[in-house]
Amino acid sequence: MKGAIRDAYHATVVVARSSPMKRGEFSTSRSPQSRRERVGAGLCGALLCLLLTTGCASAGRFVWYHDLPRTDWGDNSGIYVIGIGDQIRIQVYGQDGLSTTAKIRSDGRMALPLVGEIIAVGKHPAELAAEFQDRLKEIIVAPHVTVNVDTSQPVTVTVLGEFKTVGAQSLDPSAGLLQVIAQAGGLTDFADKSRIFVLRRVPEFRRIRFTYESLLQNEGGAATFLLRTGDVVVAE
């Protein structure tokens, strides 16, 4: 962006300097060059505004909830889903050196010796065990892995914007988005009901858009969209 603005400035200066005053043209300034400089500055300002507007055009990107991969939705089956801050125990039968306990980091990952890091947040214990098992097949023969959650943490999210009550909320793991809005006292009179977002940064940043009507009608399961620790709910 800085390079584009610099190029725009140089271009306008060249235009200004190549536009001499016509014979008989009246100028109130003491120096004929000052008028050309003012023209150049004006052109530069206009181009600067255009560049800044273009640069901001890509801001505010989002994905509609119904276009989100189902793997990012969570599971309403009642089976526990691993979250940030959970303490889990990985047991590799017959391989005590590979068995370990770990706390899920704020980036949703954990590590296992010889296997490396793996995204754990949002997965069932059995699902995570199967993933570890597949990776260990490259190292040992017929590995058998189990994953247990020793200590679980409540889901903690932040509510911002046009809600009657904003701030941090602790939720039951099965709580959906509509329940969060209810706990926040609902929307204010100034809220745009077509612009409700969940900001999620794990495993990658997403800005997920909902409408209030879709939540009330539970269109496509919107009302039961499961939140994760670290999510931010925003009403604009």
C-alpha atoms as a PDB file:
ATOM      1  CA  MET A   1       0.000   0.000   0.000  1.00  0.00           C
ATOM      2  CA  LYS A   2       2.821   2.427   0.908  1.00  0.00           C
ATOM      3  CA  GLY A   3       4.513   1.740  -2.430  1.00  0.00           C
ATOM      4  CA  ALA A   4       1.281   2.384  -4.348  1.00  0.00           C
ATOM      5  CA  ILE A   5       0.734   5.696  -2.533  1.00  0.00           C
ATOM      6  CA  ARG A   6       4.335   6.743  -3.242  1.00  0.00           C
ATOM      7  CA  ASP A   7       3.930   5.889  -6.952  1.00  0.00           C
ATOM      8  CA  ALA A   8       0.680   7.848  -7.085  1.00  0.00           C
ATOM      9  CA  TYR A   9       2.385  10.877  -5.552  1.00  0.00           C
ATOM     10  CA  HIS A  10       5.253  10.780  -8.049  1.00  0.00           C
ATOM     11  CA  ALA A  11       2.791  10.405 -10.922  1.00  0.00           C
ATOM     12  CA  THR A  12       0.797  13.474  -9.883  1.00  0.00           C
ATOM     13  CA  VAL A  13       3.944  15.549  -9.406  1.00  0.00           C
ATOM     14  CA  VAL A  14       5.028  14.646 -12.951  1.00  0.00           C
ATOM     15  CA  VAL A  15       1.599  15.664 -14.281  1.00  0.00           C
ATOM     16  CA  ALA A  16       1.726  18.952 -12.408  1.00  0.00           C
ATOM     17  CA  ARG A  17       5.223  19.822 -13.582  1.00  0.00           C
ATOM     18  CA  SER A  18       4.362  19.036 -17.207  1.00  0.00           C
ATOM     19  CA  SER A  19       1.400  21.458 -17.224  1.00  0.00           C
ATOM     20  CA  PRO A  20       2.866  24.996 -17.717  1.00  0.00           C
ATOM     21  CA  MET A  21       0.625  28.031 -17.370  1.00  0.00           C
ATOM     22  CA  LYS A  22      -0.846  29.446 -20.544  1.00  0.00           C
ATOM     23  CA  ARG A  23       0.109  32.924 -21.746  1.00  0.00           C
ATOM     24  CA  GLY A  24      -2.047  35.562 -20.139  1.00  0.00           C
ATOM     25  CA  GLU A  25      -3.278  33.232 -17.415  1.00  0.00           C
ATOM     26  CA  PHE A  26      -3.801  35.168 -14.195  1.00  0.00           C
ATOM     27  CA  SER A  27      -2.470  33.865 -10.877  1.00  0.00           C
ATOM     28  CA  THR A  28      -2.924  35.381  -7.441  1.00  0.00           C
ATOM     29  CA  SER A  29       0.145  33.579  -6.075  1.00  0.00           C
ATOM     30  CA  ARG A  30       3.583  35.134  -5.979  1.00  0.00           C
ATOM     31  CA  SER A  31       5.165  32.194  -7.778  1.00  0.00           C
ATOM     32  CA  PRO A  32       3.775  30.642 -11.013  1.00  0.00           C
ATOM     33  CA  GLN A  33       4.978  27.292  -9.780  1.00  0.00           C
ATOM     34  CA  SER A  34       2.799  27.438  -6.655  1.00  0.00           C
ATOM     35  CA  ARG A  35      -0.375  26.980  -8.695  1.00  0.00           C
ATOM     36  CA  ARG A  36       1.036  23.857 -10.357  1.00  0.00           C
ATOM     37  CA  GLU A  37       2.014  22.521  -6.936  1.00  0.00           C
ATOM     38  CA  ARG A  38      -1.525  23.077  -5.651  1.00  0.00           C
ATOM     39  CA  VAL A  39      -2.941  21.210  -8.654  1.00  0.00           C
ATOM     40  CA  GLY A  40      -0.484  18.384  -8.085  1.00  0.00           C
ATOM     41  CA  ALA A  41      -1.358  18.249  -4.398  1.00  0.00           C
ATOM     42  CA  GLY A  42      -5.048  18.127  -5.246  1.00  0.00           C
ATOM     43  CA  LEU A  43      -4.574  15.299  -7.701  1.00  0.00           C
ATOM     44  CA  CYS A  44      -2.365  13.465  -5.226  1.00  0.00           C
ATOM     45  CA  GLY A  45      -5.003  13.834  -2.517  1.00  0.00           C
ATOM     46  CA  ALA A  46      -7.703  12.455  -4.798  1.00  0.00           C
ATOM     47  CA  LEU A  47      -5.569   9.481  -5.776  1.00  0.00           C
ATOM     48  CA  LEU A  48      -4.611   8.894  -2.153  1.00  0.00           C
ATOM     49  CA  CYS A  49      -8.279   8.737  -1.175  1.00  0.00           C
ATOM     50  CA  LEU A  50      -8.941   6.329  -4.035  1.00  0.00           C
ATOM     51  CA  LEU A  51      -6.064   4.072  -3.002  1.00  0.00           C
ATOM     52  CA  LEU A  52      -7.130   4.048   0.622  1.00  0.00           C
ATOM     53  CA  THR A  53     -10.704   3.239  -0.368  1.00  0.00           C
ATOM     54  CA  THR A  54      -9.525   0.415  -2.613  1.00  0.00           C
ATOM     55  CA  GLY A  55      -7.272  -0.919   0.115  1.00  0.00           C
ATOM     56  CA  CYS A  56     -10.152  -1.038   2.596  1.00  0.00           C
ATOM     57  CA  ALA A  57     -12.532  -2.685   0.150  1.00  0.00           C
ATOM     58  CA  SER A  58     -11.228  -6.128   0.998  1.00  0.00           C
ATOM     59  CA  ALA A  59     -11.711  -5.589   4.747  1.00  0.00           C
ATOM     60  CA  GLY A  60     -14.671  -7.162   6.488  1.00  0.00           C
ATOM     61  CA  ARG A  61     -14.681 -10.442   4.570  1.00  0.00           C
ATOM     62  CA  PHE A  62     -16.891 -13.173   5.997  1.00  0.00           C
ATOM     63  CA  VAL A  63     -18.355 -16.585   5.308  1.00  0.00           C
ATOM     64  CA  TRP A  64     -22.051 -17.338   5.732  1.00  0.00           C
ATOM     65  CA  TYR A  65     -22.721 -19.995   8.340  1.00  0.00           C
ATOM     66  CA  HIS A  66     -24.442 -22.266   5.813  1.00  0.00           C
ATOM     67  CA  ASP A  67     -21.303 -22.219   3.626  1.00  0.00           C
ATOM     68  CA  LEU A  68     -19.065 -23.237   6.521  1.00  0.00           C
ATOM     69  CA  PRO A  69     -17.594 -26.772   6.363  1.00  0.00           C
ATOM     70  CA  ARG A  70     -19.570 -29.072   8.653  1.00  0.00           C
ATOM     71  CA  THR A  71     -16.347 -29.993  10.423  1.00  0.00           C
ATOM     72  CA  ASP A  72     -16.327 -26.451  11.854  1.00  0.00           C
ATOM     73  CA  TRP A  73     -19.835 -26.755  13.265  1.00  0.00           C
ATOM     74  CA  GLY A  74     -19.124 -28.990  16.219  1.00  0.00           C
ATOM     75  CA  ASP A  75     -21.326 -31.909  17.197  1.00  0.00           C
ATOM     76  CA  ASN A  76     -24.698 -31.832  18.924  1.00  0.00           C
ATOM     77  CA  SER A  77     -24.707 -35.587  19.555  1.00  0.00           C
ATOM     78  CA  GLY A  78     -23.821 -35.135  23.230  1.00  0.00           C
ATOM     79  CA  ILE A  79     -20.369 -36.706  22.826  1.00  0.00           C
ATOM     80  CA  TYR A  80     -17.733 -34.560  24.501  1.00  0.00           C
ATOM     81  CA  VAL A  81     -15.769 -32.212  22.229  1.00  0.00           C
ATOM     82  CA  ILE A  82     -12.231 -31.273  23.233  1.00  0.00           C
ATOM     83  CA  GLY A  83     -11.727 -27.596  23.950  1.00  0.00           C
ATOM     84  CA  ILE A  84      -8.952 -25.126  24.716  1.00  0.00           C
ATOM     85  CA  GLY A  85      -7.508 -25.628  28.181  1.00  0.00           C
ATOM     86  CA  ASP A  86      -8.606 -29.270  28.520  1.00  0.00           C
ATOM     87  CA  GLN A  87      -6.107 -31.677  30.046  1.00  0.00           C
ATOM     88  CA  ILE A  88      -6.031 -34.913  28.072  1.00  0.00           C
ATOM     89  CA  ARG A  89      -4.224 -38.201  28.514  1.00  0.00           C
ATOM     90  CA  ILE A  90      -2.944 -40.166  25.501  1.00  0.00           C
ATOM     91  CA  GLN A  91      -2.206 -43.836  26.082  1.00  0.00           C
ATOM     92  CA  VAL A  92      -0.299 -45.843  23.477  1.00  0.00           C
ATOM     93  CA  TYR A  93      -0.526 -49.483  24.522  1.00  0.00           C
ATOM     94  CA  GLY A  94       2.840 -51.190  24.852  1.00  0.00           C
ATOM     95  CA  GLN A  95       4.650 -47.887  24.231  1.00  0.00           C
ATOM     96  CA  ASP A  96       5.047 -46.110  27.553  1.00  0.00           C
ATOM     97  CA  GLY A  97       7.556 -43.711  26.034  1.00  0.00           C
ATOM     98  CA  LEU A  98       4.884 -42.385  23.682  1.00  0.00           C
ATOM     99  CA  SER A  99       2.127 -42.122  26.274  1.00  0.00           C
ATOM    100  CA  THR A 100       1.711 -38.640  27.708  1.00  0.00           C
ATOM    101  CA  THR A 101      -0.618 -36.041  29.161  1.00  0.00           C
ATOM    102  CA  ALA A 102      -1.014 -32.579  27.663  1.00  0.00           C
ATOM    103  CA  LYS A 103      -3.025 -29.405  27.975  1.00  0.00           C
ATOM    104  CA  ILE A 104      -4.673 -28.059  24.845  1.00  0.00           C
ATOM    105  CA  ARG A 105      -2.974 -24.775  24.036  1.00  0.00           C
ATOM    106  CA  SER A 106      -4.699 -21.518  23.150  1.00  0.00           C
ATOM    107  CA  ASP A 107      -4.056 -22.243  19.455  1.00  0.00           C
ATOM    108  CA  GLY A 108      -6.044 -25.487  19.768  1.00  0.00           C
ATOM    109  CA  ARG A 109      -3.025 -27.755  19.321  1.00  0.00           C
ATOM    110  CA  MET A 110      -1.068 -30.306  21.328  1.00  0.00           C
ATOM    111  CA  ALA A 111       1.994 -32.446  20.675  1.00  0.00           C
ATOM    112  CA  LEU A 112       2.851 -36.138  20.964  1.00  0.00           C
ATOM    113  CA  PRO A 113       6.446 -37.454  20.984  1.00  0.00           C
ATOM    114  CA  LEU A 114       7.629 -38.597  17.516  1.00  0.00           C
ATOM    115  CA  VAL A 115       4.324 -37.486  16.010  1.00  0.00           C
ATOM    116  CA  GLY A 116       4.505 -33.743  16.427  1.00  0.00           C
ATOM    117  CA  GLU A 117       1.739 -31.201  16.748  1.00  0.00           C
ATOM    118  CA  ILE A 118      -1.863 -31.864  15.945  1.00  0.00           C
ATOM    119  CA  ILE A 119      -5.054 -29.816  16.123  1.00  0.00           C
ATOM    120  CA  ALA A 120      -7.155 -31.229  18.972  1.00  0.00           C
ATOM    121  CA  VAL A 121      -9.802 -28.592  19.605  1.00  0.00           C
ATOM    122  CA  GLY A 122     -13.244 -29.356  18.190  1.00  0.00           C
ATOM    123  CA  LYS A 123     -12.647 -33.133  18.003  1.00  0.00           C
ATOM    124  CA  HIS A 124     -14.050 -36.058  19.962  1.00  0.00           C
ATOM    125  CA  PRO A 125     -11.522 -38.017  22.062  1.00  0.00           C
ATOM    126  CA  ALA A 126     -12.041 -41.099  19.850  1.00  0.00           C
ATOM    127  CA  GLU A 127     -11.531 -38.995  16.722  1.00  0.00           C
ATOM    128  CA  LEU A 128      -8.268 -37.578  18.065  1.00  0.00           C
ATOM    129  CA  ALA A 129      -7.104 -41.078  19.085  1.00  0.00           C
ATOM    130  CA  ALA A 130      -7.737 -42.362  15.545  1.00  0.00           C
ATOM    131  CA  GLU A 131      -5.715 -39.487  14.099  1.00  0.00           C
ATOM    132  CA  PHE A 132      -2.772 -40.189  16.419  1.00  0.00           C
ATOM    133  CA  GLN A 133      -3.067 -43.862  15.558  1.00  0.00           C
ATOM    134  CA  ASP A 134      -2.802 -43.199  11.828  1.00  0.00           C
ATOM    135  CA  ARG A 135       0.340 -41.113  12.309  1.00  0.00           C
ATOM    136  CA  LEU A 136       1.957 -43.720  14.542  1.00  0.00           C
ATOM    137  CA  LYS A 137       1.556 -46.397  11.857  1.00  0.00           C
ATOM    138  CA  GLU A 138       4.612 -44.901  10.190  1.00  0.00           C
ATOM    139  CA  ILE A 139       6.643 -45.595  13.326  1.00  0.00           C
ATOM    140  CA  ILE A 140       5.293 -48.721  15.056  1.00  0.00           C
ATOM    141  CA  VAL A 141       3.321 -51.766  13.961  1.00  0.00           C
ATOM    142  CA  ALA A 142      -0.418 -51.868  14.674  1.00  0.00           C
ATOM    143  CA  PRO A 143      -0.539 -49.044  17.241  1.00  0.00           C
ATOM    144  CA  HIS A 144      -3.512 -48.805  19.581  1.00  0.00           C
ATOM    145  CA  VAL A 145      -4.255 -45.371  21.056  1.00  0.00           C
ATOM    146  CA  THR A 146      -6.839 -44.108  23.505  1.00  0.00           C
ATOM    147  CA  VAL A 147      -7.515 -40.495  24.483  1.00  0.00           C
ATOM    148  CA  ASN A 148      -9.222 -39.505  27.716  1.00  0.00           C
ATOM    149  CA  VAL A 149     -10.115 -36.066  29.036  1.00  0.00           C
ATOM    150  CA  ASP A 150      -8.789 -35.756  32.590  1.00  0.00           C
ATOM    151  CA  THR A 151      -9.825 -32.147  33.175  1.00  0.00           C
ATOM    152  CA  SER A 152     -12.308 -30.183  31.105  1.00  0.00           C
ATOM    153  CA  GLN A 153     -12.835 -26.441  30.937  1.00  0.00           C
ATOM    154  CA  PRO A 154     -16.098 -24.546  30.391  1.00  0.00           C
ATOM    155  CA  VAL A 155     -16.559 -22.841  27.051  1.00  0.00           C
ATOM    156  CA  THR A 156     -15.703 -19.159  27.440  1.00  0.00           C
ATOM    157  CA  VAL A 157     -16.674 -16.626  24.766  1.00  0.00           C
ATOM    158  CA  THR A 158     -16.776 -12.833  24.510  1.00  0.00           C
ATOM    159  CA  VAL A 159     -19.884 -10.893  23.462  1.00  0.00           C
ATOM    160  CA  LEU A 160     -19.398  -7.445  21.914  1.00  0.00           C
ATOM    161  CA  GLY A 161     -21.307  -4.806  20.011  1.00  0.00           C
ATOM    162  CA  GLU A 162     -25.045  -4.145  20.014  1.00  0.00           C
ATOM    163  CA  PHE A 163     -26.048  -6.557  22.782  1.00  0.00           C
ATOM    164  CA  LYS A 164     -27.743  -5.387  25.945  1.00  0.00           C
ATOM    165  CA  THR A 165     -25.017  -7.047  28.016  1.00  0.00           C
ATOM    166  CA  VAL A 166     -21.483  -7.410  26.719  1.00  0.00           C
ATOM    167  CA  GLY A 167     -18.447  -9.156  28.135  1.00  0.00           C
ATOM    168  CA  ALA A 168     -17.239 -12.681  28.814  1.00  0.00           C
ATOM    169  CA  GLN A 169     -19.666 -15.594  29.109  1.00  0.00           C
ATOM    170  CA  SER A 170     -19.123 -19.116  30.420  1.00  0.00           C
ATOM    171  CA  LEU A 171     -21.209 -21.709  28.636  1.00  0.00           C
ATOM    172  CA  ASP A 172     -22.111 -25.339  28.782  1.00  0.00           C
ATOM    173  CA  PRO A 173     -20.312 -27.190  25.948  1.00  0.00           C
ATOM    174  CA  SER A 174     -23.672 -27.925  24.324  1.00  0.00           C
ATOM    175  CA  ALA A 175     -24.792 -24.261  24.283  1.00  0.00           C
ATOM    176  CA  GLY A 176     -25.675 -22.866  20.866  1.00  0.00           C
ATOM    177  CA  LEU A 177     -25.350 -19.343  19.481  1.00  0.00           C
ATOM    178  CA  LEU A 178     -28.967 -18.407  20.192  1.00  0.00           C
ATOM    179  CA  GLN A 179     -28.488 -19.274  23.867  1.00  0.00           C
ATOM    180  CA  VAL A 180     -25.501 -16.928  24.006  1.00  0.00           C
ATOM    181  CA  ILE A 181     -27.603 -14.092  22.580  1.00  0.00           C
ATOM    182  CA  ALA A 182     -30.320 -14.832  25.152  1.00  0.00           C
ATOM    183  CA  GLN A 183     -27.774 -14.730  27.987  1.00  0.00           C
ATOM    184  CA  ALA A 184     -26.607 -11.357  26.660  1.00  0.00           C
ATOM    185  CA  GLY A 185     -30.150  -9.998  27.027  1.00  0.00           C
ATOM    186  CA  GLY A 186     -30.802  -9.887  23.297  1.00  0.00           C
ATOM    187  CA  LEU A 187     -30.002  -7.183  20.750  1.00  0.00           C
ATOM    188  CA  THR A 188     -30.259  -3.445  21.327  1.00  0.00           C
ATOM    189  CA  ASP A 189     -32.571  -1.244  19.269  1.00  0.00           C
ATOM    190  CA  PHE A 190     -29.574  -0.071  17.245  1.00  0.00           C
ATOM    191  CA  ALA A 191     -28.443  -3.532  16.137  1.00  0.00           C
ATOM    192  CA  ASP A 192     -28.446  -4.525  12.479  1.00  0.00           C
ATOM    193  CA  LYS A 193     -30.245  -7.868  12.667  1.00  0.00           C
ATOM    194  CA  SER A 194     -28.686  -8.996   9.406  1.00  0.00           C
ATOM    195  CA  ARG A 195     -25.132  -8.644  10.715  1.00  0.00           C
ATOM    196  CA  ILE A 196     -24.353 -11.001  13.585  1.00  0.00           C
ATOM    197  CA  PHE A 197     -20.880 -12.517  13.474  1.00  0.00           C
ATOM    198  CA  VAL A 198     -18.865 -15.186  15.216  1.00  0.00           C
ATOM    199  CA  LEU A 199     -15.133 -14.470  15.046  1.00  0.00           C
ATOM    200  CA  ARG A 200     -13.165 -17.706  15.318  1.00  0.00           C
ATOM    201  CA  ARG A 201      -9.366 -17.915  15.183  1.00  0.00           C
ATOM    202  CA  VAL A 202      -8.752 -21.668  15.591  1.00  0.00           C
ATOM    203  CA  PRO A 203      -7.660 -23.516  13.500  1.00  0.00           C
ATOM    204  CA  GLU A 204      -7.694 -20.473  11.181  1.00  0.00           C
ATOM    205  CA  PHE A 205      -9.390 -17.099  11.398  1.00  0.00           C
ATOM    206  CA  ARG A 206     -12.976 -17.016  10.196  1.00  0.00           C
ATOM    207  CA  ARG A 207     -15.648 -14.328  10.376  1.00  0.00           C
ATOM    208  CA  ILE A 208     -18.913 -16.271  10.293  1.00  0.00           C
ATOM    209  CA  ARG A 209     -22.092 -14.366   9.502  1.00  0.00           C
ATOM    210  CA  PHE A 210     -25.636 -15.020  10.746  1.00  0.00           C
ATOM    211  CA  THR A 211     -28.910 -13.141  10.654  1.00  0.00           C
ATOM    212  CA  TYR A 212     -31.215 -12.817  13.639  1.00  0.00           C
ATOM    213  CA  GLU A 213     -34.075 -14.292  11.610  1.00  0.00           C
ATOM    214  CA  SER A 214     -32.032 -17.390  10.714  1.00  0.00           C
ATOM    215  CA  LEU A 215     -31.278 -17.898  14.406  1.00  0.00           C
ATOM    216  CA  LEU A 216     -34.903 -17.520  15.491  1.00  0.00           C
ATOM    217  CA  GLN A 217     -36.077 -19.916  12.776  1.00  0.00           C
ATOM    218  CA  ASN A 218     -33.078 -22.221  13.260  1.00  0.00           C
ATOM    219  CA  GLU A 219     -32.512 -22.201   9.527  1.00  0.00           C
ATOM    220  CA  GLY A 220     -29.919 -24.812   8.663  1.00  0.00           C
ATOM    221  CA  GLY A 221     -29.272 -25.390  12.366  1.00  0.00           C
ATOM    222  CA  ALA A 222     -28.092 -21.800  12.920  1.00  0.00           C
ATOM    223  CA  ALA A 223     -29.515 -21.558  16.444  1.00  0.00           C
ATOM    224  CA  THR A 224     -27.586 -24.603  17.645  1.00  0.00           C
ATOM    225  CA  PHE A 225     -24.253 -23.580  16.124  1.00  0.00           C
ATOM    226  CA  LEU A 226     -21.763 -24.602  18.822  1.00  0.00           C
ATOM    227  CA  LEU A 227     -19.299 -22.060  20.108  1.00  0.00           C
ATOM    228  CA  ARG A 228     -15.739 -22.709  21.226  1.00  0.00           C
ATOM    229  CA  THR A 229     -13.510 -21.121  23.830  1.00  0.00           C
ATOM    230  CA  GLY A 230     -11.991 -17.971  22.358  1.00  0.00           C
ATOM    231  CA  ASP A 231     -14.902 -17.227  20.002  1.00  0.00           C
ATOM    232  CA  VAL A 232     -16.117 -13.625  19.871  1.00  0.00           C
ATOM    233  CA  VAL A 233     -19.779 -12.909  19.107  1.00  0.00           C
ATOM    234  CA  VAL A 234     -20.413  -9.491  17.583  1.00  0.00           C
ATOM    235  CA  ALA A 235     -23.664  -7.713  16.710  1.00  0.00           C
ATOM    236  CA  GLU A 236     -23.182  -4.693  14.446  1.00  0.00           C
END
